[in-house]
Amino acid sequence: MDLKLYTTVFVAVFVAELGDKTQLATVLFASEGSHPKLTVFLAAASALVATSAIGVLAGTLLSDFLDERVLRWLAGAGFIAIGAFTLWRA
């Protein structure tokens, strides 16, 4: 296992998820007194694993058709577009 890559991906995803609506939804479910906290944790963790698996699969499939530089450019442009849209709507 490439520890540098692992750390880079972990930190990037961790920071991206902090304060995200996914985390807020998890907080809301966990704050409900009748919901078992372990169930909320396992369900949220499973959902994040599933979405990450989809991301890895999509990246693998796209890399067969597009150059890595093009994928990076498209991802960057997508993030900028989402940020601009969010600021415009605010």
N, C-alpha and C. Protein backbone atom coordinates (compact mmCIF):
# COMPACT_ATOMS: atom_id res chain seq x y z
N MET A 1 0.85 -1.18 0.00
CA MET A 1 0.00 0.00 0.00
C MET A 1 0.89 1.24 0.00
N ASP A 2 0.52 2.20 -0.80
CA ASP A 2 1.23 3.47 -0.89
C ASP A 2 0.71 4.39 0.21
N LEU A 3 1.48 4.52 1.30
CA LEU A 3 1.05 5.29 2.46
C LEU A 3 0.87 6.77 2.14
N LYS A 4 1.72 7.32 1.27
CA LYS A 4 1.59 8.73 0.89
C LYS A 4 0.27 8.97 0.15
N LEU A 5 -0.06 8.10 -0.79
CA LEU A 5 -1.33 8.22 -1.51
C LEU A 5 -2.51 8.05 -0.56
N TYR A 6 -2.43 7.06 0.32
CA TYR A 6 -3.49 6.81 1.29
C TYR A 6 -3.74 8.06 2.13
N THR A 7 -2.66 8.65 2.64
CA THR A 7 -2.79 9.84 3.49
C THR A 7 -3.37 11.01 2.70
N THR A 8 -2.92 11.19 1.48
CA THR A 8 -3.42 12.29 0.65
C THR A 8 -4.91 12.15 0.39
N VAL A 9 -5.34 10.95 0.01
CA VAL A 9 -6.76 10.72 -0.27
C VAL A 9 -7.58 10.85 1.02
N PHE A 10 -7.08 10.27 2.11
CA PHE A 10 -7.80 10.35 3.38
C PHE A 10 -8.02 11.79 3.80
N VAL A 11 -6.96 12.59 3.78
CA VAL A 11 -7.07 13.99 4.22
C VAL A 11 -7.99 14.77 3.28
N ALA A 12 -7.86 14.56 1.98
CA ALA A 12 -8.71 15.29 1.03
C ALA A 12 -10.19 14.96 1.24
N VAL A 13 -10.51 13.70 1.38
CA VAL A 13 -11.91 13.30 1.57
C VAL A 13 -12.40 13.73 2.94
N PHE A 14 -11.57 13.57 3.96
CA PHE A 14 -11.95 13.96 5.32
C PHE A 14 -12.30 15.44 5.38
N VAL A 15 -11.43 16.28 4.84
CA VAL A 15 -11.67 17.73 4.86
C VAL A 15 -12.89 18.09 4.02
N ALA A 16 -13.06 17.42 2.88
CA ALA A 16 -14.21 17.71 2.01
C ALA A 16 -15.52 17.34 2.69
N GLU A 17 -15.51 16.32 3.53
CA GLU A 17 -16.74 15.88 4.18
C GLU A 17 -17.09 16.65 5.44
N LEU A 18 -16.11 17.34 6.05
CA LEU A 18 -16.40 18.10 7.27
C LEU A 18 -17.42 19.19 6.97
N GLY A 19 -18.49 19.20 7.73
CA GLY A 19 -19.52 20.21 7.56
C GLY A 19 -20.36 20.04 6.31
N ASP A 20 -20.15 18.95 5.61
CA ASP A 20 -20.91 18.65 4.40
C ASP A 20 -22.33 18.24 4.80
N LYS A 21 -23.24 18.32 3.85
CA LYS A 21 -24.63 17.94 4.17
C LYS A 21 -24.73 16.47 4.57
N THR A 22 -23.80 15.64 4.13
CA THR A 22 -23.78 14.25 4.57
C THR A 22 -23.52 14.16 6.07
N GLN A 23 -22.55 14.93 6.53
CA GLN A 23 -22.24 14.93 7.96
C GLN A 23 -23.39 15.53 8.75
N LEU A 24 -24.00 16.57 8.23
CA LEU A 24 -25.14 17.18 8.92
C LEU A 24 -26.32 16.22 9.03
N ALA A 25 -26.57 15.46 7.97
CA ALA A 25 -27.64 14.46 8.02
C ALA A 25 -27.32 13.40 9.08
N THR A 26 -26.07 12.99 9.15
CA THR A 26 -25.67 12.00 10.15
C THR A 26 -25.85 12.56 11.56
N VAL A 27 -25.49 13.82 11.76
CA VAL A 27 -25.68 14.46 13.06
C VAL A 27 -27.16 14.46 13.44
N LEU A 28 -28.02 14.77 12.48
CA LEU A 28 -29.45 14.80 12.77
C LEU A 28 -29.98 13.42 13.15
N PHE A 29 -29.57 12.39 12.42
CA PHE A 29 -30.00 11.03 12.76
C PHE A 29 -29.47 10.62 14.13
N ALA A 30 -28.22 10.95 14.42
CA ALA A 30 -27.61 10.57 15.70
C ALA A 30 -28.23 11.34 16.87
N SER A 31 -28.73 12.53 16.61
CA SER A 31 -29.31 13.34 17.70
C SER A 31 -30.69 12.83 18.12
N GLU A 32 -31.32 12.04 17.28
CA GLU A 32 -32.61 11.45 17.63
C GLU A 32 -32.38 10.40 18.71
N GLY A 33 -32.95 10.61 19.86
CA GLY A 33 -32.70 9.75 21.01
C GLY A 33 -33.04 8.29 20.80
N SER A 34 -34.02 8.00 19.97
CA SER A 34 -34.45 6.61 19.80
C SER A 34 -33.61 5.84 18.79
N HIS A 35 -32.75 6.52 18.04
CA HIS A 35 -31.92 5.85 17.04
C HIS A 35 -30.64 5.31 17.68
N PRO A 36 -30.39 4.01 17.55
CA PRO A 36 -29.14 3.47 18.08
C PRO A 36 -27.94 4.09 17.35
N LYS A 37 -27.00 4.62 18.12
CA LYS A 37 -25.86 5.34 17.53
C LYS A 37 -24.99 4.43 16.66
N LEU A 38 -24.83 3.17 17.05
CA LEU A 38 -24.03 2.25 16.24
C LEU A 38 -24.67 2.03 14.88
N THR A 39 -25.98 1.93 14.84
CA THR A 39 -26.69 1.75 13.57
C THR A 39 -26.49 2.97 12.67
N VAL A 40 -26.61 4.16 13.25
CA VAL A 40 -26.40 5.39 12.48
C VAL A 40 -24.98 5.43 11.93
N PHE A 41 -24.00 5.10 12.78
CA PHE A 41 -22.60 5.11 12.34
C PHE A 41 -22.37 4.10 11.22
N LEU A 42 -22.84 2.87 11.41
CA LEU A 42 -22.61 1.83 10.40
C LEU A 42 -23.30 2.17 9.07
N ALA A 43 -24.51 2.72 9.14
CA ALA A 43 -25.23 3.08 7.92
C ALA A 43 -24.51 4.22 7.19
N ALA A 44 -24.08 5.24 7.93
CA ALA A 44 -23.38 6.38 7.32
C ALA A 44 -22.05 5.92 6.74
N ALA A 45 -21.31 5.10 7.47
CA ALA A 45 -20.02 4.61 6.99
C ALA A 45 -20.20 3.75 5.75
N SER A 46 -21.22 2.91 5.74
CA SER A 46 -21.50 2.06 4.58
C SER A 46 -21.85 2.90 3.35
N ALA A 47 -22.63 3.95 3.56
CA ALA A 47 -22.99 4.83 2.45
C ALA A 47 -21.76 5.51 1.87
N LEU A 48 -20.85 5.97 2.74
CA LEU A 48 -19.63 6.61 2.25
C LEU A 48 -18.73 5.62 1.52
N VAL A 49 -18.67 4.38 2.01
CA VAL A 49 -17.89 3.36 1.32
C VAL A 49 -18.50 3.09 -0.06
N ALA A 50 -19.82 2.99 -0.13
CA ALA A 50 -20.48 2.72 -1.41
C ALA A 50 -20.26 3.85 -2.41
N THR A 51 -20.39 5.10 -1.97
CA THR A 51 -20.17 6.21 -2.89
C THR A 51 -18.71 6.30 -3.31
N SER A 52 -17.80 5.96 -2.41
CA SER A 52 -16.38 5.95 -2.78
C SER A 52 -16.10 4.86 -3.80
N ALA A 53 -16.73 3.71 -3.64
CA ALA A 53 -16.56 2.62 -4.61
C ALA A 53 -17.06 3.04 -5.99
N ILE A 54 -18.18 3.74 -6.02
CA ILE A 54 -18.71 4.24 -7.29
C ILE A 54 -17.72 5.23 -7.91
N GLY A 55 -17.14 6.09 -7.08
CA GLY A 55 -16.16 7.06 -7.58
C GLY A 55 -14.93 6.38 -8.15
N VAL A 56 -14.44 5.36 -7.47
CA VAL A 56 -13.26 4.64 -7.97
C VAL A 56 -13.60 3.93 -9.28
N LEU A 57 -14.77 3.31 -9.34
CA LEU A 57 -15.19 2.62 -10.56
C LEU A 57 -15.34 3.61 -11.72
N ALA A 58 -15.99 4.75 -11.45
CA ALA A 58 -16.19 5.75 -12.50
C ALA A 58 -14.84 6.30 -12.98
N GLY A 59 -13.93 6.57 -12.03
CA GLY A 59 -12.61 7.06 -12.42
C GLY A 59 -11.84 6.05 -13.25
N THR A 60 -11.96 4.79 -12.87
CA THR A 60 -11.29 3.73 -13.62
C THR A 60 -11.84 3.62 -15.04
N LEU A 61 -13.16 3.65 -15.16
CA LEU A 61 -13.78 3.55 -16.48
C LEU A 61 -13.47 4.77 -17.34
N LEU A 62 -13.55 5.96 -16.76
CA LEU A 62 -13.28 7.19 -17.52
C LEU A 62 -11.83 7.26 -17.98
N SER A 63 -10.92 6.73 -17.15
CA SER A 63 -9.51 6.79 -17.52
C SER A 63 -9.19 5.93 -18.74
N ASP A 64 -10.08 4.99 -19.07
CA ASP A 64 -9.90 4.19 -20.28
C ASP A 64 -10.18 5.01 -21.54
N PHE A 65 -10.97 6.08 -21.39
CA PHE A 65 -11.39 6.87 -22.55
C PHE A 65 -10.79 8.27 -22.59
N LEU A 66 -10.42 8.80 -21.44
CA LEU A 66 -9.92 10.17 -21.36
C LEU A 66 -8.54 10.20 -20.73
N ASP A 67 -7.71 11.13 -21.17
CA ASP A 67 -6.40 11.33 -20.59
C ASP A 67 -6.53 11.85 -19.16
N GLU A 68 -5.60 11.48 -18.30
CA GLU A 68 -5.65 11.90 -16.90
C GLU A 68 -5.69 13.42 -16.76
N ARG A 69 -4.95 14.12 -17.61
CA ARG A 69 -4.95 15.60 -17.54
C ARG A 69 -6.33 16.16 -17.86
N VAL A 70 -7.02 15.56 -18.82
CA VAL A 70 -8.37 16.01 -19.16
C VAL A 70 -9.31 15.76 -17.99
N LEU A 71 -9.20 14.60 -17.34
CA LEU A 71 -10.04 14.30 -16.18
C LEU A 71 -9.80 15.31 -15.05
N ARG A 72 -8.53 15.62 -14.80
CA ARG A 72 -8.21 16.60 -13.76
C ARG A 72 -8.79 17.97 -14.10
N TRP A 73 -8.67 18.36 -15.37
CA TRP A 73 -9.20 19.65 -15.80
C TRP A 73 -10.72 19.68 -15.65
N LEU A 74 -11.39 18.62 -16.07
CA LEU A 74 -12.84 18.56 -15.95
C LEU A 74 -13.28 18.58 -14.49
N ALA A 75 -12.57 17.84 -13.63
CA ALA A 75 -12.92 17.84 -12.20
C ALA A 75 -12.72 19.24 -11.61
N GLY A 76 -11.62 19.88 -11.94
CA GLY A 76 -11.36 21.24 -11.45
C GLY A 76 -12.40 22.23 -11.93
N ALA A 77 -12.73 22.14 -13.21
CA ALA A 77 -13.75 23.04 -13.78
C ALA A 77 -15.11 22.79 -13.12
N GLY A 78 -15.40 21.52 -12.84
CA GLY A 78 -16.66 21.19 -12.17
C GLY A 78 -16.74 21.78 -10.77
N PHE A 79 -15.64 21.69 -10.01
CA PHE A 79 -15.61 22.27 -8.67
C PHE A 79 -15.76 23.79 -8.74
N ILE A 80 -15.08 24.42 -9.68
CA ILE A 80 -15.20 25.87 -9.83
C ILE A 80 -16.63 26.26 -10.19
N ALA A 81 -17.24 25.51 -11.10
CA ALA A 81 -18.61 25.80 -11.51
C ALA A 81 -19.58 25.66 -10.34
N ILE A 82 -19.41 24.61 -9.54
CA ILE A 82 -20.29 24.41 -8.37
C ILE A 82 -20.09 25.54 -7.37
N GLY A 83 -18.82 25.92 -7.14
CA GLY A 83 -18.54 27.02 -6.22
C GLY A 83 -19.13 28.33 -6.70
N ALA A 84 -18.97 28.62 -7.99
CA ALA A 84 -19.53 29.86 -8.56
C ALA A 84 -21.04 29.86 -8.47
N PHE A 85 -21.66 28.75 -8.77
CA PHE A 85 -23.12 28.63 -8.69
C PHE A 85 -23.59 28.85 -7.25
N THR A 86 -22.86 28.25 -6.31
CA THR A 86 -23.22 28.41 -4.89
C THR A 86 -23.11 29.88 -4.47
N LEU A 87 -22.04 30.55 -4.87
CA LEU A 87 -21.87 31.95 -4.53
C LEU A 87 -22.93 32.82 -5.21
N TRP A 88 -23.24 32.49 -6.45
CA TRP A 88 -24.23 33.27 -7.19
C TRP A 88 -25.61 33.16 -6.54
N ARG A 89 -25.94 31.97 -6.05
CA ARG A 89 -27.26 31.75 -5.42
C ARG A 89 -27.35 32.33 -4.02
N ALA A 90 -26.20 32.61 -3.39
CA ALA A 90 -26.20 33.06 -1.98
C ALA A 90 -26.67 34.47 -1.83
